[in-house]
Amino acid sequence: MDIGVARGLAWTSVGGDTLSIEVNVMPGSGKVELTGKLGDVMKESAKTAVSYIRSKCDEYGIDPDFYKNKDIHIH
């Protein structure tokens, strides 16, 4: 697994598949950009992932204000 890549699961009526979810964090103004063909559940999951990281900043040594001065692109 590469840094910035996570595995996700897709479900359809004829089966499922795994997906590579790519994330890039760069200097910015706190924008979260979601691209690709994402359904509502995937969009909610992406936003929940950012909230989770915010809740664990101290544990992972991340600046608690990262979301204010970084843009996060999830594809």
Protein backbone atom coordinates (compact mmCIF):
# COMPACT_ATOMS: atom_id res chain seq x y z
CA MET A 1 0.00 0.00 0.00
CA ASP A 2 1.28 3.46 -0.89
CA ILE A 3 1.11 6.54 1.30
CA GLY A 4 -1.97 8.49 0.25
CA VAL A 5 -3.80 5.43 -1.06
CA ALA A 6 -6.44 3.44 0.81
CA ARG A 7 -8.59 0.50 -0.23
CA GLY A 8 -12.34 0.83 -0.46
CA LEU A 9 -15.14 -1.55 -1.33
CA ALA A 10 -17.73 -1.03 -4.05
CA TRP A 11 -20.99 -2.96 -4.12
CA THR A 12 -23.30 -3.44 -7.07
CA SER A 13 -26.26 -5.70 -7.78
CA VAL A 14 -23.95 -8.08 -9.68
CA GLY A 15 -21.09 -8.22 -7.21
CA GLY A 16 -18.40 -5.92 -5.93
CA ASP A 17 -14.85 -4.78 -6.29
CA THR A 18 -12.08 -3.06 -4.38
CA LEU A 19 -11.15 0.51 -5.21
CA SER A 20 -7.99 2.55 -4.76
CA ILE A 21 -8.88 5.78 -2.99
CA GLU A 22 -6.21 8.40 -3.56
CA VAL A 23 -5.71 11.39 -1.28
CA ASN A 24 -3.52 14.44 -1.69
CA VAL A 25 -3.07 17.16 0.92
CA MET A 26 -1.64 20.50 -0.12
CA PRO A 27 -1.43 24.07 1.18
CA GLY A 28 -4.74 25.86 0.75
CA SER A 29 -7.77 27.30 2.47
CA GLY A 30 -9.43 24.23 3.99
CA LYS A 31 -11.32 22.96 0.95
CA VAL A 32 -12.20 19.27 0.67
CA GLU A 33 -12.54 18.27 -2.98
CA LEU A 34 -14.15 14.95 -3.91
CA THR A 35 -13.74 13.80 -7.50
CA GLY A 36 -14.63 10.71 -9.48
CA LYS A 37 -17.93 8.86 -9.70
CA LEU A 38 -18.83 8.93 -6.01
CA GLY A 39 -22.25 8.02 -4.70
CA ASP A 40 -23.71 9.61 -1.59
CA VAL A 41 -22.35 6.88 0.69
CA MET A 42 -18.81 7.33 -0.63
CA LYS A 43 -19.08 11.12 -0.20
CA GLU A 44 -20.22 10.64 3.38
CA SER A 45 -17.37 8.20 4.02
CA ALA A 46 -14.79 10.66 2.70
CA LYS A 47 -16.09 13.44 4.95
CA THR A 48 -16.19 11.05 7.91
CA ALA A 49 -12.55 10.11 7.27
CA VAL A 50 -11.52 13.77 7.52
CA SER A 51 -13.53 14.11 10.76
CA TYR A 52 -11.84 10.99 12.14
CA ILE A 53 -8.37 12.38 11.44
CA ARG A 54 -9.37 15.66 13.10
CA SER A 55 -10.43 13.70 16.20
CA LYS A 56 -7.06 11.88 16.33
CA CYS A 57 -4.68 14.83 15.71
CA ASP A 58 -3.01 14.60 19.12
CA GLU A 59 -2.53 10.85 18.84
CA TYR A 60 -0.93 11.09 15.38
CA GLY A 61 1.05 14.31 15.93
CA ILE A 62 -0.95 16.29 13.37
CA ASP A 63 -1.51 20.04 13.68
CA PRO A 64 -5.10 20.33 15.01
CA ASP A 65 -5.74 23.25 12.64
CA PHE A 66 -4.55 21.36 9.53
CA TYR A 67 -8.04 21.45 8.04
CA LYS A 68 -8.02 25.27 8.08
CA ASN A 69 -4.88 25.77 5.96
CA LYS A 70 -4.74 22.59 3.86
CA ASP A 71 -6.82 21.49 0.90
CA ILE A 72 -7.66 17.79 0.77
CA HIS A 73 -8.34 16.16 -2.59
CA ILE A 74 -9.93 12.71 -2.46
CA HIS A 75 -10.35 10.74 -5.68
